[in-house]
Amino acid sequence: MGTFTIALADGTSEELKCDAYQQEGSLTTFFSVDSSRQVIDSWSIRLASYRTNDIVSIRRDTSPVCDRQRELAIAS
């Protein structure tokens, strides 16, 4: 599971621990995905949704610690 930082148009930002995100109509939705599936499907869990127009940027934390946590989650 990675960490994403979402910068919003109102100047705020939020940090989410999730696996993936996808645009769904006028919303961008962030998901938790089963490590054995590794795709967004009907078994994925929606964690948060934001109006796409309100999002300025989405950045994924690619630090080695974050990558190692993902590897451990996949291995278990």
PDB file of N, CA and C in Angstrom:
ATOM      1  N   MET A   1       0.856  -1.167   0.000  1.00  0.00           N
ATOM      2  CA  MET A   1       0.000   0.000   0.000  1.00  0.00           C
ATOM      3  C   MET A   1       0.900   1.228   0.000  1.00  0.00           C
ATOM      4  N   GLY A   2       0.619   2.143  -0.890  1.00  0.00           N
ATOM      5  CA  GLY A   2       1.412   3.353  -1.009  1.00  0.00           C
ATOM      6  C   GLY A   2       0.757   4.525  -0.304  1.00  0.00           C
ATOM      7  N   THR A   3       1.467   5.619  -0.263  1.00  0.00           N
ATOM      8  CA  THR A   3       0.938   6.851   0.304  1.00  0.00           C
ATOM      9  C   THR A   3       0.834   7.889  -0.806  1.00  0.00           C
ATOM     10  N   PHE A   4      -0.343   8.467  -0.943  1.00  0.00           N
ATOM     11  CA  PHE A   4      -0.590   9.490  -1.945  1.00  0.00           C
ATOM     12  C   PHE A   4      -0.912  10.799  -1.239  1.00  0.00           C
ATOM     13  N   THR A   5      -0.356  11.892  -1.752  1.00  0.00           N
ATOM     14  CA  THR A   5      -0.685  13.225  -1.253  1.00  0.00           C
ATOM     15  C   THR A   5      -1.513  13.922  -2.322  1.00  0.00           C
ATOM     16  N   ILE A   6      -2.712  14.362  -1.925  1.00  0.00           N
ATOM     17  CA  ILE A   6      -3.631  15.010  -2.846  1.00  0.00           C
ATOM     18  C   ILE A   6      -3.663  16.494  -2.497  1.00  0.00           C
ATOM     19  N   ALA A   7      -3.230  17.345  -3.420  1.00  0.00           N
ATOM     20  CA  ALA A   7      -3.302  18.800  -3.232  1.00  0.00           C
ATOM     21  C   ALA A   7      -4.595  19.281  -3.864  1.00  0.00           C
ATOM     22  N   LEU A   8      -5.372  20.035  -3.092  1.00  0.00           N
ATOM     23  CA  LEU A   8      -6.676  20.499  -3.552  1.00  0.00           C
ATOM     24  C   LEU A   8      -6.649  21.986  -3.888  1.00  0.00           C
ATOM     25  N   ALA A   9      -7.601  22.417  -4.693  1.00  0.00           N
ATOM     26  CA  ALA A   9      -7.664  23.793  -5.188  1.00  0.00           C
ATOM     27  C   ALA A   9      -7.827  24.813  -4.065  1.00  0.00           C
ATOM     28  N   ASP A  10      -8.405  24.414  -2.932  1.00  0.00           N
ATOM     29  CA  ASP A  10      -8.598  25.367  -1.830  1.00  0.00           C
ATOM     30  C   ASP A  10      -7.333  25.564  -0.994  1.00  0.00           C
ATOM     31  N   GLY A  11      -6.215  24.950  -1.416  1.00  0.00           N
ATOM     32  CA  GLY A  11      -4.942  25.112  -0.728  1.00  0.00           C
ATOM     33  C   GLY A  11      -4.649  24.053   0.315  1.00  0.00           C
ATOM     34  N   THR A  12      -5.592  23.174   0.579  1.00  0.00           N
ATOM     35  CA  THR A  12      -5.359  22.104   1.542  1.00  0.00           C
ATOM     36  C   THR A  12      -4.771  20.891   0.835  1.00  0.00           C
ATOM     37  N   SER A  13      -4.241  19.978   1.621  1.00  0.00           N
ATOM     38  CA  SER A  13      -3.768  18.714   1.058  1.00  0.00           C
ATOM     39  C   SER A  13      -4.124  17.596   2.020  1.00  0.00           C
ATOM     40  N   GLU A  14      -4.275  16.420   1.485  1.00  0.00           N
ATOM     41  CA  GLU A  14      -4.597  15.249   2.290  1.00  0.00           C
ATOM     42  C   GLU A  14      -3.674  14.119   1.898  1.00  0.00           C
ATOM     43  N   GLU A  15      -3.356  13.288   2.873  1.00  0.00           N
ATOM     44  CA  GLU A  15      -2.488  12.136   2.637  1.00  0.00           C
ATOM     45  C   GLU A  15      -3.308  10.871   2.854  1.00  0.00           C
ATOM     46  N   LEU A  16      -3.256   9.974   1.891  1.00  0.00           N
ATOM     47  CA  LEU A  16      -4.011   8.718   1.973  1.00  0.00           C
ATOM     48  C   LEU A  16      -3.081   7.529   1.806  1.00  0.00           C
ATOM     49  N   LYS A  17      -3.332   6.492   2.577  1.00  0.00           N
ATOM     50  CA  LYS A  17      -2.649   5.219   2.360  1.00  0.00           C
ATOM     51  C   LYS A  17      -3.604   4.361   1.531  1.00  0.00           C
ATOM     52  N   CYS A  18      -3.223   4.101   0.301  1.00  0.00           N
ATOM     53  CA  CYS A  18      -4.081   3.328  -0.595  1.00  0.00           C
ATOM     54  C   CYS A  18      -3.218   2.688  -1.677  1.00  0.00           C
ATOM     55  N   ASP A  19      -3.842   1.870  -2.506  1.00  0.00           N
ATOM     56  CA  ASP A  19      -3.113   1.150  -3.545  1.00  0.00           C
ATOM     57  C   ASP A  19      -3.206   1.802  -4.914  1.00  0.00           C
ATOM     58  N   ALA A  20      -4.335   2.426  -5.207  1.00  0.00           N
ATOM     59  CA  ALA A  20      -4.547   2.934  -6.566  1.00  0.00           C
ATOM     60  C   ALA A  20      -5.638   3.988  -6.557  1.00  0.00           C
ATOM     61  N   TYR A  21      -5.711   4.716  -7.658  1.00  0.00           N
ATOM     62  CA  TYR A  21      -6.815   5.654  -7.846  1.00  0.00           C
ATOM     63  C   TYR A  21      -7.255   5.612  -9.298  1.00  0.00           C
ATOM     64  N   GLN A  22      -8.500   6.058  -9.513  1.00  0.00           N
ATOM     65  CA  GLN A  22      -9.079   5.998 -10.853  1.00  0.00           C
ATOM     66  C   GLN A  22     -10.151   7.071 -10.967  1.00  0.00           C
ATOM     67  N   GLN A  23     -10.265   7.674 -12.134  1.00  0.00           N
ATOM     68  CA  GLN A  23     -11.327   8.651 -12.365  1.00  0.00           C
ATOM     69  C   GLN A  23     -12.622   7.890 -12.637  1.00  0.00           C
ATOM     70  N   GLU A  24     -13.674   8.314 -11.944  1.00  0.00           N
ATOM     71  CA  GLU A  24     -15.004   7.734 -12.122  1.00  0.00           C
ATOM     72  C   GLU A  24     -15.974   8.890 -12.378  1.00  0.00           C
ATOM     73  N   GLY A  25     -16.217   9.185 -13.625  1.00  0.00           N
ATOM     74  CA  GLY A  25     -17.076  10.324 -13.959  1.00  0.00           C
ATOM     75  C   GLY A  25     -16.427  11.610 -13.487  1.00  0.00           C
ATOM     76  N   SER A  26     -17.138  12.379 -12.660  1.00  0.00           N
ATOM     77  CA  SER A  26     -16.602  13.658 -12.182  1.00  0.00           C
ATOM     78  C   SER A  26     -15.779  13.512 -10.900  1.00  0.00           C
ATOM     79  N   LEU A  27     -15.607  12.279 -10.424  1.00  0.00           N
ATOM     80  CA  LEU A  27     -14.849  12.022  -9.195  1.00  0.00           C
ATOM     81  C   LEU A  27     -13.565  11.253  -9.486  1.00  0.00           C
ATOM     82  N   THR A  28     -12.561  11.484  -8.643  1.00  0.00           N
ATOM     83  CA  THR A  28     -11.367  10.640  -8.631  1.00  0.00           C
ATOM     84  C   THR A  28     -11.433   9.860  -7.330  1.00  0.00           C
ATOM     85  N   THR A  29     -11.421   8.541  -7.428  1.00  0.00           N
ATOM     86  CA  THR A  29     -11.619   7.666  -6.274  1.00  0.00           C
ATOM     87  C   THR A  29     -10.344   6.886  -5.976  1.00  0.00           C
ATOM     88  N   PHE A  30     -10.045   6.762  -4.679  1.00  0.00           N
ATOM     89  CA  PHE A  30      -8.862   6.048  -4.207  1.00  0.00           C
ATOM     90  C   PHE A  30      -9.300   4.718  -3.599  1.00  0.00           C
ATOM     91  N   PHE A  31      -8.524   3.659  -3.899  1.00  0.00           N
ATOM     92  CA  PHE A  31      -8.923   2.297  -3.560  1.00  0.00           C
ATOM     93  C   PHE A  31      -7.865   1.542  -2.763  1.00  0.00           C
ATOM     94  N   SER A  32      -8.343   0.604  -1.969  1.00  0.00           N
ATOM     95  CA  SER A  32      -7.505  -0.432  -1.374  1.00  0.00           C
ATOM     96  C   SER A  32      -7.777  -1.699  -2.178  1.00  0.00           C
ATOM     97  N   VAL A  33      -6.706  -2.370  -2.608  1.00  0.00           N
ATOM     98  CA  VAL A  33      -6.827  -3.534  -3.482  1.00  0.00           C
ATOM     99  C   VAL A  33      -6.208  -4.736  -2.797  1.00  0.00           C
ATOM    100  N   ASP A  34      -6.848  -5.886  -2.893  1.00  0.00           N
ATOM    101  CA  ASP A  34      -6.288  -7.121  -2.344  1.00  0.00           C
ATOM    102  C   ASP A  34      -4.934  -7.381  -2.991  1.00  0.00           C
ATOM    103  N   SER A  35      -3.929  -7.683  -2.185  1.00  0.00           N
ATOM    104  CA  SER A  35      -2.572  -7.853  -2.719  1.00  0.00           C
ATOM    105  C   SER A  35      -2.462  -9.007  -3.713  1.00  0.00           C
ATOM    106  N   SER A  36      -3.356  -9.968  -3.636  1.00  0.00           N
ATOM    107  CA  SER A  36      -3.287 -11.087  -4.578  1.00  0.00           C
ATOM    108  C   SER A  36      -3.909 -10.735  -5.936  1.00  0.00           C
ATOM    109  N   ARG A  37      -4.737  -9.677  -5.990  1.00  0.00           N
ATOM    110  CA  ARG A  37      -5.419  -9.324  -7.231  1.00  0.00           C
ATOM    111  C   ARG A  37      -4.688  -8.230  -7.998  1.00  0.00           C
ATOM    112  N   GLN A  38      -4.267  -7.168  -7.306  1.00  0.00           N
ATOM    113  CA  GLN A  38      -3.507  -6.068  -7.877  1.00  0.00           C
ATOM    114  C   GLN A  38      -4.193  -5.368  -9.053  1.00  0.00           C
ATOM    115  N   VAL A  39      -5.515  -5.373  -9.071  1.00  0.00           N
ATOM    116  CA  VAL A  39      -6.287  -4.608 -10.049  1.00  0.00           C
ATOM    117  C   VAL A  39      -7.486  -3.998  -9.321  1.00  0.00           C
ATOM    118  N   ILE A  40      -8.008  -2.903  -9.877  1.00  0.00           N
ATOM    119  CA  ILE A  40      -9.234  -2.325  -9.328  1.00  0.00           C
ATOM    120  C   ILE A  40     -10.397  -3.094  -9.936  1.00  0.00           C
ATOM    121  N   ASP A  41     -11.182  -3.739  -9.079  1.00  0.00           N
ATOM    122  CA  ASP A  41     -12.342  -4.498  -9.541  1.00  0.00           C
ATOM    123  C   ASP A  41     -13.445  -4.400  -8.492  1.00  0.00           C
ATOM    124  N   SER A  42     -14.464  -5.223  -8.613  1.00  0.00           N
ATOM    125  CA  SER A  42     -15.606  -5.144  -7.702  1.00  0.00           C
ATOM    126  C   SER A  42     -15.252  -5.505  -6.262  1.00  0.00           C
ATOM    127  N   TRP A  43     -14.110  -6.150  -6.043  1.00  0.00           N
ATOM    128  CA  TRP A  43     -13.686  -6.514  -4.691  1.00  0.00           C
ATOM    129  C   TRP A  43     -12.837  -5.422  -4.044  1.00  0.00           C
ATOM    130  N   SER A  44     -12.459  -4.401  -4.783  1.00  0.00           N
ATOM    131  CA  SER A  44     -11.663  -3.302  -4.248  1.00  0.00           C
ATOM    132  C   SER A  44     -12.513  -2.470  -3.286  1.00  0.00           C
ATOM    133  N   ILE A  45     -11.857  -1.864  -2.318  1.00  0.00           N
ATOM    134  CA  ILE A  45     -12.553  -1.051  -1.322  1.00  0.00           C
ATOM    135  C   ILE A  45     -12.296   0.429  -1.607  1.00  0.00           C
ATOM    136  N   ARG A  46     -13.384   1.185  -1.757  1.00  0.00           N
ATOM    137  CA  ARG A  46     -13.275   2.633  -1.977  1.00  0.00           C
ATOM    138  C   ARG A  46     -12.934   3.288  -0.644  1.00  0.00           C
ATOM    139  N   LEU A  47     -11.847   4.075  -0.632  1.00  0.00           N
ATOM    140  CA  LEU A  47     -11.422   4.739   0.591  1.00  0.00           C
ATOM    141  C   LEU A  47     -11.816   6.207   0.634  1.00  0.00           C
ATOM    142  N   ALA A  48     -11.745   6.879  -0.505  1.00  0.00           N
ATOM    143  CA  ALA A  48     -12.081   8.307  -0.555  1.00  0.00           C
ATOM    144  C   ALA A  48     -12.320   8.711  -1.999  1.00  0.00           C
ATOM    145  N   SER A  49     -13.164   9.728  -2.183  1.00  0.00           N
ATOM    146  CA  SER A  49     -13.411  10.293  -3.512  1.00  0.00           C
ATOM    147  C   SER A  49     -13.354  11.804  -3.421  1.00  0.00           C
ATOM    148  N   TYR A  50     -12.811  12.432  -4.457  1.00  0.00           N
ATOM    149  CA  TYR A  50     -12.717  13.884  -4.550  1.00  0.00           C
ATOM    150  C   TYR A  50     -13.234  14.312  -5.915  1.00  0.00           C
ATOM    151  N   ARG A  51     -13.838  15.485  -5.969  1.00  0.00           N
ATOM    152  CA  ARG A  51     -14.222  16.032  -7.268  1.00  0.00           C
ATOM    153  C   ARG A  51     -12.945  16.263  -8.066  1.00  0.00           C
ATOM    154  N   THR A  52     -12.876  15.731  -9.252  1.00  0.00           N
ATOM    155  CA  THR A  52     -11.673  15.834 -10.085  1.00  0.00           C
ATOM    156  C   THR A  52     -11.307  17.292 -10.328  1.00  0.00           C
ATOM    157  N   ASN A  53     -12.286  18.166 -10.496  1.00  0.00           N
ATOM    158  CA  ASN A  53     -12.017  19.588 -10.725  1.00  0.00           C
ATOM    159  C   ASN A  53     -11.316  20.255  -9.544  1.00  0.00           C
ATOM    160  N   ASP A  54     -11.459  19.694  -8.343  1.00  0.00           N
ATOM    161  CA  ASP A  54     -10.855  20.274  -7.143  1.00  0.00           C
ATOM    162  C   ASP A  54      -9.421  19.806  -6.907  1.00  0.00           C
ATOM    163  N   ILE A  55      -8.957  18.813  -7.663  1.00  0.00           N
ATOM    164  CA  ILE A  55      -7.614  18.261  -7.456  1.00  0.00           C
ATOM    165  C   ILE A  55      -6.602  19.038  -8.296  1.00  0.00           C
ATOM    166  N   VAL A  56      -5.559  19.537  -7.619  1.00  0.00           N
ATOM    167  CA  VAL A  56      -4.470  20.237  -8.297  1.00  0.00           C
ATOM    168  C   VAL A  56      -3.380  19.235  -8.679  1.00  0.00           C
ATOM    169  N   SER A  57      -3.040  18.327  -7.753  1.00  0.00           N
ATOM    170  CA  SER A  57      -2.030  17.307  -8.047  1.00  0.00           C
ATOM    171  C   SER A  57      -2.208  16.103  -7.142  1.00  0.00           C
ATOM    172  N   ILE A  58      -1.706  14.974  -7.629  1.00  0.00           N
ATOM    173  CA  ILE A  58      -1.660  13.735  -6.847  1.00  0.00           C
ATOM    174  C   ILE A  58      -0.223  13.257  -6.931  1.00  0.00           C
ATOM    175  N   ARG A  59       0.396  13.072  -5.763  1.00  0.00           N
ATOM    176  CA  ARG A  59       1.782  12.605  -5.735  1.00  0.00           C
ATOM    177  C   ARG A  59       1.878  11.344  -4.897  1.00  0.00           C
ATOM    178  N   ARG A  60       2.618  10.380  -5.422  1.00  0.00           N
ATOM    179  CA  ARG A  60       2.827   9.118  -4.718  1.00  0.00           C
ATOM    180  C   ARG A  60       4.181   9.144  -4.043  1.00  0.00           C
ATOM    181  N   ASP A  61       4.206   8.759  -2.762  1.00  0.00           N
ATOM    182  CA  ASP A  61       5.466   8.678  -2.025  1.00  0.00           C
ATOM    183  C   ASP A  61       6.222   7.459  -2.524  1.00  0.00           C
ATOM    184  N   THR A  62       7.387   7.677  -3.079  1.00  0.00           N
ATOM    185  CA  THR A  62       8.187   6.574  -3.621  1.00  0.00           C
ATOM    186  C   THR A  62       9.432   6.322  -2.791  1.00  0.00           C
ATOM    187  N   SER A  63       9.366   6.681  -1.512  1.00  0.00           N
ATOM    188  CA  SER A  63      10.529   6.464  -0.651  1.00  0.00           C
ATOM    189  C   SER A  63      10.780   4.968  -0.496  1.00  0.00           C
ATOM    190  N   PRO A  64      12.028   4.577  -0.246  1.00  0.00           N
ATOM    191  CA  PRO A  64      12.357   3.149  -0.079  1.00  0.00           C
ATOM    192  C   PRO A  64      11.568   2.488   1.047  1.00  0.00           C
ATOM    193  N   VAL A  65      11.266   3.217   2.115  1.00  0.00           N
ATOM    194  CA  VAL A  65      10.495   2.646   3.214  1.00  0.00           C
ATOM    195  C   VAL A  65       9.101   2.265   2.726  1.00  0.00           C
ATOM    196  N   CYS A  66       8.475   3.145   1.959  1.00  0.00           N
ATOM    197  CA  CYS A  66       7.140   2.892   1.421  1.00  0.00           C
ATOM    198  C   CYS A  66       7.168   1.690   0.470  1.00  0.00           C
ATOM    199  N   ASP A  67       8.173   1.608  -0.387  1.00  0.00           N
ATOM    200  CA  ASP A  67       8.296   0.483  -1.312  1.00  0.00           C
ATOM    201  C   ASP A  67       8.488  -0.826  -0.565  1.00  0.00           C
ATOM    202  N   ARG A  68       9.279  -0.812   0.503  1.00  0.00           N
ATOM    203  CA  ARG A  68       9.526  -2.030   1.280  1.00  0.00           C
ATOM    204  C   ARG A  68       8.243  -2.498   1.966  1.00  0.00           C
ATOM    205  N   GLN A  69       7.443  -1.563   2.469  1.00  0.00           N
ATOM    206  CA  GLN A  69       6.171  -1.933   3.090  1.00  0.00           C
ATOM    207  C   GLN A  69       5.259  -2.610   2.079  1.00  0.00           C
ATOM    208  N   ARG A  70       5.244  -2.113   0.836  1.00  0.00           N
ATOM    209  CA  ARG A  70       4.426  -2.713  -0.214  1.00  0.00           C
ATOM    210  C   ARG A  70       4.905  -4.125  -0.523  1.00  0.00           C
ATOM    211  N   GLU A  71       6.226  -4.318  -0.607  1.00  0.00           N
ATOM    212  CA  GLU A  71       6.775  -5.644  -0.887  1.00  0.00           C
ATOM    213  C   GLU A  71       6.386  -6.632   0.197  1.00  0.00           C
ATOM    214  N   LEU A  72       6.443  -6.209   1.459  1.00  0.00           N
ATOM    215  CA  LEU A  72       6.084  -7.089   2.560  1.00  0.00           C
ATOM    216  C   LEU A  72       4.606  -7.441   2.514  1.00  0.00           C
ATOM    217  N   ALA A  73       3.763  -6.493   2.148  1.00  0.00           N
ATOM    218  CA  ALA A  73       2.325  -6.744   2.075  1.00  0.00           C
ATOM    219  C   ALA A  73       2.009  -7.741   0.970  1.00  0.00           C
ATOM    220  N   ILE A  74       2.701  -7.620  -0.163  1.00  0.00           N
ATOM    221  CA  ILE A  74       2.470  -8.538  -1.272  1.00  0.00           C
ATOM    222  C   ILE A  74       2.947  -9.953  -0.922  1.00  0.00           C
ATOM    223  N   ALA A  75       4.058 -10.025  -0.198  1.00  0.00           N
ATOM    224  CA  ALA A  75       4.633 -11.327   0.151  1.00  0.00           C
ATOM    225  C   ALA A  75       3.772 -12.078   1.173  1.00  0.00           C
ATOM    226  N   SER A  76       3.001 -11.357   1.985  1.00  0.00           N
ATOM    227  CA  SER A  76       2.221 -12.050   3.026  1.00  0.00           C
ATOM    228  C   SER A  76       0.855 -12.476   2.567  1.00  0.00           C
TER     229      SER A  76
END
